[in-house]
Amino acid sequence: MRRYKALGSVAGTALAAVLACAPLAHAAAPVPDTLGGDGKGKVKVIKLVALLRQAAGIPVDGGLSLGDRQVGNDDLFQNGNRVGSDGFVCTVTSLSPDERECEITLHLPKGDIAIQGLAPVIHSFPTEFTLAITGGTGVYKNARGFVTGTNVNDTETDITLHLT
């Protein structure tokens, strides 16, 4: 779920995404009820803002190349309160169009949400993406659905989860 401007800039796109995530202590502020699933098969919409905490680019060679990777993590916010974190790995899989496969894990108070899919390599902002929700843990153990997002700049991504 993250920023990924051709790998020259370490901070690049989201997800995106978003595989290696050390669990973090939860915020002291009360967690809004909107972070739980309804358990009745209805679509549950959760809006979050991801702010980049750390990221590293792993280039194959100079310029954008197949196999270039970016790994990192974000803090996740809802209504100005920190509600979790994420970890992500994105690998460039196509140069025409410029795309990458992203695997992201959102770590929330009531469980984790697994996300994956193809996202565009970011060449300018804003850049939009849609990825699949492929599972989870805790209240999200049977999570399915999709995530839409917008990479606003090098450090901020707006995320909307559509859980079914």
N, C-alpha and C. Protein backbone atom coordinates (compact mmCIF):
# COMPACT_ATOMS: atom_id res chain seq x y z
N MET A 1 0.80 -1.15 0.00
CA MET A 1 0.00 0.00 0.00
C MET A 1 0.85 1.22 0.00
N ARG A 2 1.97 1.18 -0.35
CA ARG A 2 2.84 2.30 -0.11
C ARG A 2 3.31 2.97 -1.36
N ARG A 3 4.12 3.93 -1.10
CA ARG A 3 4.70 4.78 -2.12
C ARG A 3 5.81 4.03 -2.81
N TYR A 4 5.99 4.26 -4.09
CA TYR A 4 7.02 3.56 -4.80
C TYR A 4 7.31 4.29 -6.07
N LYS A 5 7.92 5.43 -5.96
CA LYS A 5 8.27 6.20 -7.13
C LYS A 5 9.56 5.63 -7.64
N ALA A 6 9.47 4.86 -8.66
CA ALA A 6 10.59 4.22 -9.31
C ALA A 6 11.71 3.78 -8.42
N LEU A 7 11.71 3.64 -7.23
CA LEU A 7 12.73 3.15 -6.34
C LEU A 7 13.84 4.15 -6.07
N GLY A 8 13.95 5.24 -6.84
CA GLY A 8 14.95 6.25 -6.57
C GLY A 8 14.65 6.87 -5.22
N SER A 9 13.40 7.04 -4.93
CA SER A 9 12.96 7.56 -3.64
C SER A 9 12.59 6.36 -2.79
N VAL A 10 13.16 6.24 -1.60
CA VAL A 10 12.85 5.11 -0.74
C VAL A 10 11.38 5.11 -0.39
N ALA A 11 10.82 6.28 -0.09
CA ALA A 11 9.39 6.34 0.19
C ALA A 11 8.69 6.40 -1.14
N GLY A 12 7.86 5.47 -1.46
CA GLY A 12 7.17 5.39 -2.73
C GLY A 12 5.76 4.89 -2.50
N THR A 13 4.87 3.77 -3.18
CA THR A 13 3.45 3.46 -2.87
C THR A 13 3.12 2.42 -1.90
N ALA A 14 1.52 2.54 -1.74
CA ALA A 14 0.92 1.83 -0.66
C ALA A 14 0.41 0.54 -1.04
N LEU A 15 0.68 0.09 -0.70
CA LEU A 15 0.22 -1.14 -0.36
C LEU A 15 1.38 -1.86 -0.15
N ALA A 16 -0.07 -1.00 -0.21
CA ALA A 16 -0.41 -1.58 -0.68
C ALA A 16 -0.40 -2.30 -0.30
N ALA A 17 -0.30 -1.65 0.09
CA ALA A 17 -0.30 -1.99 0.18
C ALA A 17 0.01 -2.26 1.12
N VAL A 18 2.44 -3.07 1.60
CA VAL A 18 1.98 -3.13 2.86
C VAL A 18 2.02 -4.53 3.19
N LEU A 19 4.54 -7.72 4.24
CA LEU A 19 4.72 -9.03 4.67
C LEU A 19 5.54 -8.98 5.93
N ALA A 20 6.28 -7.99 6.09
CA ALA A 20 7.09 -8.05 7.30
C ALA A 20 6.62 -6.97 8.24
N CYS A 21 5.81 -7.32 9.22
CA CYS A 21 5.25 -6.30 10.10
C CYS A 21 5.42 -6.74 11.55
N ALA A 22 6.20 -6.01 12.28
CA ALA A 22 6.32 -6.29 13.72
C ALA A 22 5.10 -5.71 14.41
N PRO A 23 4.36 -6.49 15.19
CA PRO A 23 3.20 -5.95 15.88
C PRO A 23 3.61 -4.82 16.82
N LEU A 24 2.76 -3.80 16.86
CA LEU A 24 3.04 -2.65 17.69
C LEU A 24 2.06 -2.58 18.84
N ALA A 25 2.45 -1.91 19.89
CA ALA A 25 1.53 -1.66 21.00
C ALA A 25 0.39 -0.80 20.50
N HIS A 26 -0.79 -1.01 20.99
CA HIS A 26 -1.96 -0.25 20.55
C HIS A 26 -1.99 1.11 21.22
N ALA A 27 -2.62 2.03 20.52
CA ALA A 27 -2.72 3.40 21.04
C ALA A 27 -3.50 3.42 22.35
N ALA A 28 -3.19 4.38 23.17
CA ALA A 28 -3.89 4.50 24.45
C ALA A 28 -5.29 5.05 24.27
N ALA A 29 -5.53 5.78 23.17
CA ALA A 29 -6.85 6.36 22.91
C ALA A 29 -7.86 5.24 22.67
N PRO A 30 -9.14 5.45 23.02
CA PRO A 30 -10.14 4.43 22.77
C PRO A 30 -10.26 4.15 21.28
N VAL A 31 -10.45 2.87 20.94
CA VAL A 31 -10.56 2.47 19.55
C VAL A 31 -12.02 2.57 19.11
N PRO A 32 -12.28 3.28 18.00
CA PRO A 32 -13.66 3.42 17.54
C PRO A 32 -14.29 2.06 17.21
N ASP A 33 -15.59 1.92 17.42
CA ASP A 33 -16.31 0.69 17.12
C ASP A 33 -16.24 0.32 15.65
N THR A 34 -15.93 1.27 14.77
CA THR A 34 -15.95 0.99 13.34
C THR A 34 -14.85 0.02 12.92
N LEU A 35 -13.96 -0.39 13.82
CA LEU A 35 -12.90 -1.32 13.44
C LEU A 35 -13.31 -2.78 13.55
N GLY A 36 -14.49 -3.08 14.05
CA GLY A 36 -14.94 -4.46 14.15
C GLY A 36 -15.83 -4.85 12.98
N GLY A 37 -15.84 -6.14 12.64
CA GLY A 37 -16.75 -6.63 11.60
C GLY A 37 -18.13 -6.83 12.19
N ASP A 38 -19.14 -6.90 11.34
CA ASP A 38 -20.49 -7.09 11.88
C ASP A 38 -20.86 -8.56 11.98
N GLY A 39 -20.06 -9.45 11.33
CA GLY A 39 -20.29 -10.88 11.45
C GLY A 39 -21.55 -11.38 10.80
N LYS A 40 -22.26 -10.55 10.03
CA LYS A 40 -23.54 -10.95 9.43
C LYS A 40 -23.47 -11.01 7.92
N GLY A 41 -22.27 -10.94 7.35
CA GLY A 41 -22.12 -11.04 5.91
C GLY A 41 -22.41 -9.75 5.16
N LYS A 42 -22.70 -8.68 5.86
CA LYS A 42 -22.96 -7.40 5.21
C LYS A 42 -21.65 -6.67 4.97
N VAL A 43 -21.64 -5.80 3.98
CA VAL A 43 -20.44 -5.02 3.69
C VAL A 43 -20.19 -4.04 4.82
N LYS A 44 -18.98 -4.06 5.33
CA LYS A 44 -18.55 -3.16 6.40
C LYS A 44 -17.47 -2.27 5.80
N VAL A 45 -17.64 -0.96 5.88
CA VAL A 45 -16.68 -0.01 5.32
C VAL A 45 -15.86 0.60 6.45
N ILE A 46 -14.55 0.54 6.31
CA ILE A 46 -13.62 1.11 7.29
C ILE A 46 -12.69 2.06 6.54
N LYS A 47 -12.64 3.30 6.99
CA LYS A 47 -11.75 4.29 6.37
C LYS A 47 -10.56 4.54 7.29
N LEU A 48 -9.36 4.48 6.70
CA LEU A 48 -8.13 4.68 7.45
C LEU A 48 -7.19 5.60 6.69
N VAL A 49 -6.25 6.18 7.39
CA VAL A 49 -5.16 6.93 6.78
C VAL A 49 -3.87 6.24 7.22
N ALA A 50 -3.04 5.87 6.25
CA ALA A 50 -1.74 5.25 6.53
C ALA A 50 -0.66 6.31 6.38
N LEU A 51 0.15 6.47 7.43
CA LEU A 51 1.28 7.39 7.40
C LEU A 51 2.57 6.58 7.48
N LEU A 52 3.41 6.73 6.46
CA LEU A 52 4.64 5.96 6.35
C LEU A 52 5.54 6.17 7.56
N ARG A 53 6.00 5.08 8.14
CA ARG A 53 6.92 5.14 9.26
C ARG A 53 8.33 4.82 8.78
N GLN A 54 8.49 3.72 8.05
CA GLN A 54 9.80 3.39 7.50
C GLN A 54 9.64 2.53 6.27
N ALA A 55 10.58 2.68 5.32
CA ALA A 55 10.54 1.91 4.08
C ALA A 55 11.95 1.81 3.52
N ALA A 56 12.18 0.76 2.76
CA ALA A 56 13.47 0.58 2.09
C ALA A 56 13.22 0.00 0.71
N GLY A 57 13.95 0.50 -0.26
CA GLY A 57 13.90 -0.02 -1.61
C GLY A 57 15.04 -1.00 -1.83
N ILE A 58 14.73 -2.10 -2.54
CA ILE A 58 15.74 -3.10 -2.85
C ILE A 58 15.80 -3.21 -4.37
N PRO A 59 16.72 -2.46 -5.02
CA PRO A 59 16.78 -2.44 -6.48
C PRO A 59 17.49 -3.67 -7.05
N VAL A 60 17.06 -4.06 -8.25
CA VAL A 60 17.73 -5.14 -8.97
C VAL A 60 18.95 -4.55 -9.68
N ASP A 61 18.77 -3.43 -10.37
CA ASP A 61 19.87 -2.67 -10.96
C ASP A 61 19.39 -1.24 -11.14
N GLY A 62 20.12 -0.39 -11.86
CA GLY A 62 19.72 1.01 -12.00
C GLY A 62 18.38 1.17 -12.69
N GLY A 63 17.61 2.16 -12.28
CA GLY A 63 16.30 2.41 -12.87
C GLY A 63 15.27 1.41 -12.40
N LEU A 64 14.06 1.53 -12.92
CA LEU A 64 12.96 0.62 -12.58
C LEU A 64 13.18 -0.70 -13.31
N SER A 65 13.24 -1.81 -12.55
CA SER A 65 13.51 -3.13 -13.13
C SER A 65 12.57 -4.17 -12.55
N LEU A 66 12.30 -5.22 -13.33
CA LEU A 66 11.54 -6.34 -12.80
C LEU A 66 12.25 -6.88 -11.57
N GLY A 67 11.49 -7.15 -10.53
CA GLY A 67 12.05 -7.69 -9.30
C GLY A 67 12.42 -6.65 -8.26
N ASP A 68 12.44 -5.35 -8.62
CA ASP A 68 12.67 -4.32 -7.61
C ASP A 68 11.63 -4.49 -6.51
N ARG A 69 12.04 -4.32 -5.27
CA ARG A 69 11.12 -4.49 -4.14
C ARG A 69 11.15 -3.28 -3.24
N GLN A 70 10.05 -3.10 -2.55
CA GLN A 70 10.00 -2.12 -1.49
C GLN A 70 9.32 -2.78 -0.30
N VAL A 71 9.90 -2.60 0.87
CA VAL A 71 9.34 -3.13 2.11
C VAL A 71 9.22 -1.99 3.11
N GLY A 72 8.25 -2.09 3.98
CA GLY A 72 8.11 -1.04 4.97
C GLY A 72 6.89 -1.22 5.83
N ASN A 73 6.58 -0.16 6.58
CA ASN A 73 5.42 -0.19 7.46
C ASN A 73 4.88 1.22 7.67
N ASP A 74 3.63 1.26 8.06
CA ASP A 74 2.90 2.50 8.30
C ASP A 74 2.24 2.46 9.66
N ASP A 75 1.91 3.63 10.19
CA ASP A 75 0.97 3.75 11.29
C ASP A 75 -0.39 4.00 10.66
N LEU A 76 -1.44 3.40 11.21
CA LEU A 76 -2.80 3.56 10.69
C LEU A 76 -3.62 4.43 11.64
N PHE A 77 -4.35 5.39 11.05
CA PHE A 77 -5.15 6.33 11.83
C PHE A 77 -6.59 6.31 11.36
N GLN A 78 -7.49 6.57 12.31
CA GLN A 78 -8.91 6.76 12.02
C GLN A 78 -9.38 7.91 12.90
N ASN A 79 -9.98 8.91 12.26
CA ASN A 79 -10.46 10.10 12.98
C ASN A 79 -9.36 10.72 13.86
N GLY A 80 -8.13 10.72 13.37
CA GLY A 80 -7.03 11.33 14.08
C GLY A 80 -6.39 10.48 15.17
N ASN A 81 -6.96 9.30 15.46
CA ASN A 81 -6.41 8.41 16.49
C ASN A 81 -5.64 7.26 15.84
N ARG A 82 -4.48 6.94 16.39
CA ARG A 82 -3.73 5.79 15.88
C ARG A 82 -4.46 4.52 16.30
N VAL A 83 -4.79 3.67 15.31
CA VAL A 83 -5.56 2.46 15.58
C VAL A 83 -4.83 1.19 15.17
N GLY A 84 -3.63 1.30 14.66
CA GLY A 84 -2.90 0.10 14.28
C GLY A 84 -1.69 0.42 13.43
N SER A 85 -1.23 -0.61 12.74
CA SER A 85 -0.06 -0.50 11.89
C SER A 85 -0.21 -1.45 10.72
N ASP A 86 0.70 -1.37 9.77
CA ASP A 86 0.73 -2.34 8.69
C ASP A 86 2.16 -2.65 8.32
N GLY A 87 2.34 -3.73 7.58
CA GLY A 87 3.62 -4.09 6.99
C GLY A 87 3.36 -4.43 5.54
N PHE A 88 4.29 -4.08 4.64
CA PHE A 88 4.06 -4.32 3.22
C PHE A 88 5.33 -4.71 2.48
N VAL A 89 5.13 -5.47 1.41
CA VAL A 89 6.18 -5.81 0.45
C VAL A 89 5.55 -5.66 -0.93
N CYS A 90 6.19 -4.88 -1.80
CA CYS A 90 5.73 -4.72 -3.17
C CYS A 90 6.89 -5.06 -4.10
N THR A 91 6.63 -5.86 -5.13
CA THR A 91 7.64 -6.29 -6.09
C THR A 91 7.20 -5.91 -7.49
N VAL A 92 8.07 -5.24 -8.25
CA VAL A 92 7.75 -4.87 -9.63
C VAL A 92 7.64 -6.14 -10.47
N THR A 93 6.49 -6.33 -11.12
CA THR A 93 6.23 -7.53 -11.92
C THR A 93 6.00 -7.22 -13.40
N SER A 94 5.86 -5.93 -13.75
CA SER A 94 5.63 -5.55 -15.15
C SER A 94 6.19 -4.16 -15.39
N LEU A 95 6.79 -3.99 -16.56
CA LEU A 95 7.29 -2.67 -16.96
C LEU A 95 6.43 -2.05 -18.04
N SER A 96 5.42 -2.76 -18.51
CA SER A 96 4.51 -2.21 -19.51
C SER A 96 3.16 -2.91 -19.39
N PRO A 97 2.26 -2.40 -18.56
CA PRO A 97 2.35 -1.17 -17.77
C PRO A 97 3.21 -1.38 -16.52
N ASP A 98 3.66 -0.29 -15.92
CA ASP A 98 4.46 -0.36 -14.69
C ASP A 98 3.55 -0.80 -13.55
N GLU A 99 3.70 -2.07 -13.12
CA GLU A 99 2.87 -2.61 -12.05
C GLU A 99 3.74 -3.37 -11.06
N ARG A 100 3.18 -3.54 -9.85
CA ARG A 100 3.84 -4.34 -8.84
C ARG A 100 2.82 -5.15 -8.08
N GLU A 101 3.26 -6.29 -7.62
CA GLU A 101 2.45 -7.17 -6.77
C GLU A 101 2.72 -6.75 -5.34
N CYS A 102 1.65 -6.44 -4.59
CA CYS A 102 1.81 -6.00 -3.21
C CYS A 102 1.12 -6.97 -2.26
N GLU A 103 1.79 -7.22 -1.16
CA GLU A 103 1.23 -8.02 -0.07
C GLU A 103 1.31 -7.15 1.16
N ILE A 104 0.16 -6.98 1.82
CA ILE A 104 0.07 -6.07 2.96
C ILE A 104 -0.67 -6.76 4.10
N THR A 105 -0.24 -6.53 5.31
CA THR A 105 -0.97 -7.00 6.48
C THR A 105 -1.29 -5.78 7.35
N LEU A 106 -2.59 -5.56 7.58
CA LEU A 106 -3.02 -4.51 8.50
C LEU A 106 -3.14 -5.14 9.88
N HIS A 107 -2.53 -4.52 10.87
CA HIS A 107 -2.58 -5.01 12.25
C HIS A 107 -3.49 -4.05 13.04
N LEU A 108 -4.71 -4.52 13.36
CA LEU A 108 -5.71 -3.72 14.05
C LEU A 108 -6.01 -4.35 15.41
N PRO A 109 -6.63 -3.62 16.32
CA PRO A 109 -6.88 -4.14 17.68
C PRO A 109 -7.69 -5.43 17.72
N LYS A 110 -8.59 -5.65 16.76
CA LYS A 110 -9.44 -6.84 16.80
C LYS A 110 -8.96 -7.95 15.87
N GLY A 111 -7.77 -7.78 15.27
CA GLY A 111 -7.21 -8.81 14.40
C GLY A 111 -6.45 -8.20 13.23
N ASP A 112 -5.91 -9.07 12.40
CA ASP A 112 -5.16 -8.65 11.22
C ASP A 112 -6.00 -8.85 9.97
N ILE A 113 -5.71 -8.06 8.93
CA ILE A 113 -6.37 -8.19 7.63
C ILE A 113 -5.29 -8.35 6.58
N ALA A 114 -5.38 -9.42 5.76
CA ALA A 114 -4.43 -9.69 4.69
C ALA A 114 -4.95 -9.12 3.37
N ILE A 115 -4.07 -8.42 2.65
CA ILE A 115 -4.43 -7.76 1.40
C ILE A 115 -3.37 -8.09 0.35
N GLN A 116 -3.78 -8.28 -0.90
CA GLN A 116 -2.80 -8.47 -1.96
C GLN A 116 -3.39 -8.11 -3.31
N GLY A 117 -2.50 -7.89 -4.27
CA GLY A 117 -2.93 -7.64 -5.64
C GLY A 117 -1.95 -6.77 -6.39
N LEU A 118 -2.29 -6.48 -7.64
CA LEU A 118 -1.46 -5.64 -8.49
C LEU A 118 -1.82 -4.17 -8.28
N ALA A 119 -0.80 -3.35 -8.15
CA ALA A 119 -0.98 -1.91 -7.98
C ALA A 119 -0.03 -1.21 -8.95
N PRO A 120 -0.41 -0.02 -9.41
CA PRO A 120 0.49 0.70 -10.32
C PRO A 120 1.73 1.20 -9.58
N VAL A 121 2.85 1.22 -10.31
CA VAL A 121 4.04 1.89 -9.80
C VAL A 121 3.72 3.37 -9.82
N ILE A 122 4.07 4.09 -8.77
CA ILE A 122 3.71 5.50 -8.67
C ILE A 122 4.73 6.36 -9.39
N HIS A 123 4.21 7.14 -10.34
CA HIS A 123 5.06 8.10 -11.04
C HIS A 123 4.66 9.53 -10.69
N SER A 124 3.44 9.71 -10.17
CA SER A 124 2.97 11.03 -9.75
C SER A 124 1.85 10.82 -8.73
N PHE A 125 1.45 11.90 -8.10
CA PHE A 125 0.39 11.84 -7.08
C PHE A 125 -0.78 12.68 -7.52
N PRO A 126 -1.98 12.33 -7.18
CA PRO A 126 -2.36 11.11 -6.47
C PRO A 126 -2.35 9.90 -7.40
N THR A 127 -2.17 8.71 -6.83
CA THR A 127 -2.24 7.45 -7.58
C THR A 127 -3.24 6.56 -6.85
N GLU A 128 -4.20 6.00 -7.60
CA GLU A 128 -5.24 5.17 -6.99
C GLU A 128 -4.97 3.69 -7.24
N PHE A 129 -5.50 2.84 -6.35
CA PHE A 129 -5.34 1.40 -6.49
C PHE A 129 -6.54 0.68 -5.89
N THR A 130 -6.74 -0.57 -6.31
CA THR A 130 -7.75 -1.46 -5.75
C THR A 130 -7.08 -2.82 -5.57
N LEU A 131 -7.19 -3.38 -4.37
CA LEU A 131 -6.59 -4.68 -4.06
C LEU A 131 -7.61 -5.58 -3.37
N ALA A 132 -7.33 -6.88 -3.35
CA ALA A 132 -8.23 -7.85 -2.74
C ALA A 132 -7.93 -8.04 -1.26
N ILE A 133 -8.97 -8.20 -0.46
CA ILE A 133 -8.83 -8.64 0.93
C ILE A 133 -8.92 -10.16 0.87
N THR A 134 -7.87 -10.85 1.31
CA THR A 134 -7.79 -12.30 1.13
C THR A 134 -7.95 -13.11 2.41
N GLY A 135 -8.11 -12.45 3.55
CA GLY A 135 -8.30 -13.17 4.80
C GLY A 135 -7.91 -12.33 5.99
N GLY A 136 -7.79 -13.00 7.12
CA GLY A 136 -7.41 -12.28 8.32
C GLY A 136 -7.40 -13.16 9.54
N THR A 137 -7.29 -12.51 10.71
CA THR A 137 -7.30 -13.21 11.99
C THR A 137 -8.29 -12.49 12.91
N GLY A 138 -8.56 -13.08 14.06
CA GLY A 138 -9.48 -12.45 15.02
C GLY A 138 -10.85 -12.25 14.40
N VAL A 139 -11.46 -11.08 14.60
CA VAL A 139 -12.79 -10.83 14.04
C VAL A 139 -12.76 -10.79 12.52
N TYR A 140 -11.57 -10.74 11.93
CA TYR A 140 -11.43 -10.70 10.47
C TYR A 140 -11.04 -12.05 9.89
N LYS A 141 -11.18 -13.15 10.66
CA LYS A 141 -10.68 -14.45 10.23
C LYS A 141 -11.29 -14.94 8.91
N ASN A 142 -12.47 -14.53 8.58
CA ASN A 142 -13.09 -14.93 7.31
C ASN A 142 -13.24 -13.73 6.37
N ALA A 143 -12.42 -12.72 6.56
CA ALA A 143 -12.55 -11.48 5.79
C ALA A 143 -12.35 -11.72 4.29
N ARG A 144 -13.20 -11.08 3.54
CA ARG A 144 -13.11 -11.02 2.09
C ARG A 144 -13.56 -9.63 1.71
N GLY A 145 -13.32 -9.27 0.47
CA GLY A 145 -13.72 -7.96 0.00
C GLY A 145 -12.61 -7.31 -0.77
N PHE A 146 -12.55 -5.99 -0.72
CA PHE A 146 -11.53 -5.27 -1.46
C PHE A 146 -11.17 -3.98 -0.75
N VAL A 147 -10.03 -3.43 -1.14
CA VAL A 147 -9.52 -2.18 -0.59
C VAL A 147 -9.33 -1.22 -1.74
N THR A 148 -9.83 0.01 -1.57
CA THR A 148 -9.51 1.07 -2.52
C THR A 148 -8.62 2.06 -1.78
N GLY A 149 -7.74 2.68 -2.51
CA GLY A 149 -6.86 3.62 -1.85
C GLY A 149 -6.32 4.66 -2.80
N THR A 150 -5.80 5.71 -2.21
CA THR A 150 -5.15 6.78 -2.95
C THR A 150 -3.86 7.14 -2.25
N ASN A 151 -2.75 7.01 -2.99
CA ASN A 151 -1.46 7.49 -2.49
C ASN A 151 -1.48 8.99 -2.69
N VAL A 152 -1.64 9.73 -1.61
CA VAL A 152 -1.78 11.18 -1.64
C VAL A 152 -0.43 11.85 -1.92
N ASN A 153 0.62 11.35 -1.27
CA ASN A 153 1.98 11.86 -1.46
C ASN A 153 2.94 10.76 -1.02
N ASP A 154 4.22 11.08 -0.86
CA ASP A 154 5.23 10.08 -0.49
C ASP A 154 5.01 9.44 0.87
N THR A 155 4.22 10.04 1.73
CA THR A 155 4.08 9.51 3.09
C THR A 155 2.66 9.24 3.55
N GLU A 156 1.66 9.57 2.74
CA GLU A 156 0.26 9.42 3.16
C GLU A 156 -0.56 8.68 2.12
N THR A 157 -1.34 7.69 2.61
CA THR A 157 -2.25 6.94 1.76
C THR A 157 -3.62 6.88 2.43
N ASP A 158 -4.66 7.25 1.71
CA ASP A 158 -6.04 7.11 2.19
C ASP A 158 -6.52 5.73 1.78
N ILE A 159 -7.09 4.98 2.73
CA ILE A 159 -7.49 3.60 2.49
C ILE A 159 -8.95 3.42 2.88
N THR A 160 -9.70 2.73 2.03
CA THR A 160 -11.08 2.34 2.37
C THR A 160 -11.21 0.84 2.21
N LEU A 161 -11.51 0.15 3.32
CA LEU A 161 -11.72 -1.29 3.31
C LEU A 161 -13.20 -1.56 3.10
N HIS A 162 -13.51 -2.47 2.19
CA HIS A 162 -14.89 -2.92 1.94
C HIS A 162 -14.91 -4.40 2.32
N LEU A 163 -15.26 -4.68 3.57
CA LEU A 163 -15.25 -6.06 4.09
C LEU A 163 -16.59 -6.72 3.89
N THR A 164 -16.55 -8.00 3.46
CA THR A 164 -17.78 -8.78 3.31
C THR A 164 -17.70 -10.01 4.19
